[in-house]
């Protein structure tokens, strides 16, 4: 699914660069759901994969 309403994308490298989040912002961490259906309200994607956080493991 194309996200043709996205105007900008940011890739923060530290937690402090995440904020503030606003209306139209979406956190991208893999993104399978984001790309599964239209998201006309999204204007900015924030890709958190460069933060270096370890993956969550559910046991």
N, C-alpha and C. Protein backbone atom coordinates (compact mmCIF):
# COMPACT_ATOMS: atom_id res chain seq x y z
N UNK A 1 0.85 -1.18 0.00
CA UNK A 1 0.00 0.00 0.00
C UNK A 1 0.90 1.23 0.00
N UNK A 2 0.64 2.13 -0.89
CA UNK A 2 1.38 3.38 -0.93
C UNK A 2 0.84 4.33 0.14
N UNK A 3 1.75 5.00 0.81
CA UNK A 3 1.36 6.03 1.77
C UNK A 3 1.62 7.38 1.10
N UNK A 4 0.74 7.76 0.21
CA UNK A 4 0.98 8.95 -0.60
C UNK A 4 0.67 10.26 0.11
N UNK A 5 0.26 10.22 1.37
CA UNK A 5 0.05 11.46 2.13
C UNK A 5 1.25 11.82 3.00
N UNK A 6 2.26 10.94 3.05
CA UNK A 6 3.45 11.19 3.86
C UNK A 6 4.27 12.30 3.21
N UNK A 7 4.56 13.32 4.00
CA UNK A 7 5.32 14.47 3.51
C UNK A 7 6.78 14.42 3.93
N UNK A 8 7.07 13.73 5.04
CA UNK A 8 8.43 13.68 5.55
C UNK A 8 8.64 12.39 6.35
N UNK A 9 9.91 12.04 6.50
CA UNK A 9 10.27 10.87 7.29
C UNK A 9 11.48 11.24 8.13
N UNK A 10 11.45 10.85 9.39
CA UNK A 10 12.61 11.11 10.24
C UNK A 10 13.13 9.78 10.79
N UNK A 11 14.43 9.75 11.03
CA UNK A 11 15.08 8.56 11.58
C UNK A 11 15.92 8.97 12.78
N UNK A 12 15.28 9.11 13.95
CA UNK A 12 16.01 9.54 15.14
C UNK A 12 17.06 8.51 15.54
N UNK A 13 18.14 8.99 16.14
CA UNK A 13 19.19 8.10 16.63
C UNK A 13 19.27 8.08 18.15
N UNK A 14 18.44 8.91 18.81
CA UNK A 14 18.35 8.87 20.27
C UNK A 14 16.90 9.17 20.67
N UNK A 15 16.54 8.73 21.86
CA UNK A 15 15.16 8.85 22.33
C UNK A 15 14.67 10.30 22.34
N UNK A 16 15.53 11.24 22.67
CA UNK A 16 15.14 12.64 22.73
C UNK A 16 14.69 13.22 21.40
N UNK A 17 15.08 12.60 20.30
CA UNK A 17 14.69 13.08 18.98
C UNK A 17 13.30 12.59 18.56
N UNK A 18 12.67 11.76 19.39
CA UNK A 18 11.33 11.24 19.06
C UNK A 18 10.23 12.26 19.30
N UNK A 19 10.41 13.15 20.23
CA UNK A 19 9.35 14.04 20.69
C UNK A 19 9.54 15.43 20.13
N UNK A 20 8.50 16.19 20.00
CA UNK A 20 7.10 15.84 20.28
C UNK A 20 6.47 15.13 19.08
N UNK A 21 5.55 14.24 19.38
CA UNK A 21 4.75 13.61 18.34
C UNK A 21 3.51 14.46 18.13
N UNK A 22 3.07 14.55 16.92
CA UNK A 22 1.89 15.35 16.62
C UNK A 22 0.84 14.55 15.88
N UNK A 23 -0.31 15.16 15.68
CA UNK A 23 -1.31 14.48 14.87
C UNK A 23 -0.74 14.29 13.45
N UNK A 24 -0.94 13.15 12.90
CA UNK A 24 -0.39 12.85 11.59
C UNK A 24 0.96 12.16 11.63
N UNK A 25 1.52 11.99 12.83
CA UNK A 25 2.78 11.27 12.99
C UNK A 25 2.50 9.79 13.22
N UNK A 26 3.36 8.93 12.69
CA UNK A 26 3.24 7.49 12.91
C UNK A 26 4.62 6.91 13.15
N UNK A 27 4.71 6.06 14.17
CA UNK A 27 5.95 5.36 14.48
C UNK A 27 6.07 4.15 13.56
N UNK A 28 7.21 4.04 12.91
CA UNK A 28 7.48 2.93 12.01
C UNK A 28 8.53 2.04 12.65
N UNK A 29 8.15 0.80 12.94
CA UNK A 29 9.08 -0.16 13.55
C UNK A 29 8.85 -1.52 12.89
N UNK A 30 9.15 -1.59 11.65
CA UNK A 30 8.84 -2.79 10.88
C UNK A 30 7.78 -2.44 9.85
N UNK A 31 6.66 -1.92 10.31
CA UNK A 31 5.69 -1.30 9.44
C UNK A 31 4.69 -2.18 8.72
N UNK A 32 4.59 -3.44 9.07
CA UNK A 32 3.68 -4.28 8.30
C UNK A 32 2.24 -3.80 8.39
N UNK A 33 1.77 -3.39 9.54
CA UNK A 33 0.39 -2.91 9.66
C UNK A 33 0.22 -1.57 8.95
N UNK A 34 1.18 -0.68 9.10
CA UNK A 34 1.07 0.63 8.46
C UNK A 34 0.85 0.52 6.95
N UNK A 35 1.48 -0.44 6.34
CA UNK A 35 1.41 -0.58 4.89
C UNK A 35 0.31 -1.53 4.44
N UNK A 36 -0.51 -2.02 5.37
CA UNK A 36 -1.53 -3.01 5.02
C UNK A 36 -2.83 -2.41 4.51
N UNK A 37 -3.07 -1.15 4.82
CA UNK A 37 -4.31 -0.49 4.39
C UNK A 37 -4.08 1.01 4.31
N UNK A 38 -4.94 1.74 3.66
CA UNK A 38 -4.75 3.19 3.53
C UNK A 38 -4.64 3.89 4.89
N UNK A 39 -3.75 4.86 4.97
CA UNK A 39 -3.54 5.66 6.19
C UNK A 39 -3.55 7.14 5.79
N UNK A 40 -4.70 7.67 5.37
CA UNK A 40 -4.71 9.03 4.81
C UNK A 40 -4.37 10.13 5.81
N UNK A 41 -4.40 9.83 7.09
CA UNK A 41 -4.11 10.85 8.11
C UNK A 41 -2.62 11.01 8.39
N UNK A 42 -1.79 10.09 7.91
CA UNK A 42 -0.36 10.12 8.23
C UNK A 42 0.36 11.13 7.34
N UNK A 43 1.12 12.01 8.00
CA UNK A 43 1.90 13.03 7.30
C UNK A 43 3.41 12.84 7.50
N UNK A 44 3.78 12.20 8.63
CA UNK A 44 5.21 12.00 8.92
C UNK A 44 5.42 10.60 9.48
N UNK A 45 6.40 9.89 8.93
CA UNK A 45 6.80 8.60 9.46
C UNK A 45 8.06 8.79 10.29
N UNK A 46 8.08 8.15 11.45
CA UNK A 46 9.24 8.21 12.33
C UNK A 46 9.76 6.78 12.46
N UNK A 47 10.88 6.51 11.81
CA UNK A 47 11.47 5.17 11.77
C UNK A 47 12.39 5.00 12.98
N UNK A 48 11.99 4.13 13.91
CA UNK A 48 12.77 3.97 15.15
C UNK A 48 13.81 2.86 15.07
N UNK A 49 14.02 2.28 13.90
CA UNK A 49 14.97 1.17 13.80
C UNK A 49 16.41 1.59 14.05
N UNK A 50 16.75 2.85 13.89
CA UNK A 50 18.13 3.32 14.13
C UNK A 50 18.41 3.65 15.58
N UNK A 51 17.41 3.47 16.45
CA UNK A 51 17.63 3.75 17.87
C UNK A 51 18.49 2.68 18.54
N UNK A 52 18.62 1.52 17.90
CA UNK A 52 19.47 0.47 18.46
C UNK A 52 18.84 -0.31 19.60
N UNK A 53 17.53 -0.21 19.76
CA UNK A 53 16.87 -0.95 20.82
C UNK A 53 16.84 -2.43 20.48
N UNK A 54 17.01 -3.30 21.48
CA UNK A 54 16.93 -4.73 21.20
C UNK A 54 15.48 -5.13 20.90
N UNK A 55 15.29 -6.16 20.09
CA UNK A 55 13.93 -6.63 19.81
C UNK A 55 13.25 -7.14 21.07
N UNK A 56 11.94 -7.01 21.13
CA UNK A 56 11.16 -7.53 22.25
C UNK A 56 10.93 -9.02 22.01
N UNK A 57 11.18 -9.82 23.04
CA UNK A 57 10.94 -11.25 22.96
C UNK A 57 9.85 -11.63 23.95
N UNK A 58 8.80 -12.25 23.47
CA UNK A 58 7.71 -12.70 24.33
C UNK A 58 7.94 -14.17 24.64
N UNK A 59 7.92 -14.49 25.93
CA UNK A 59 8.14 -15.89 26.33
C UNK A 59 6.94 -16.43 27.05
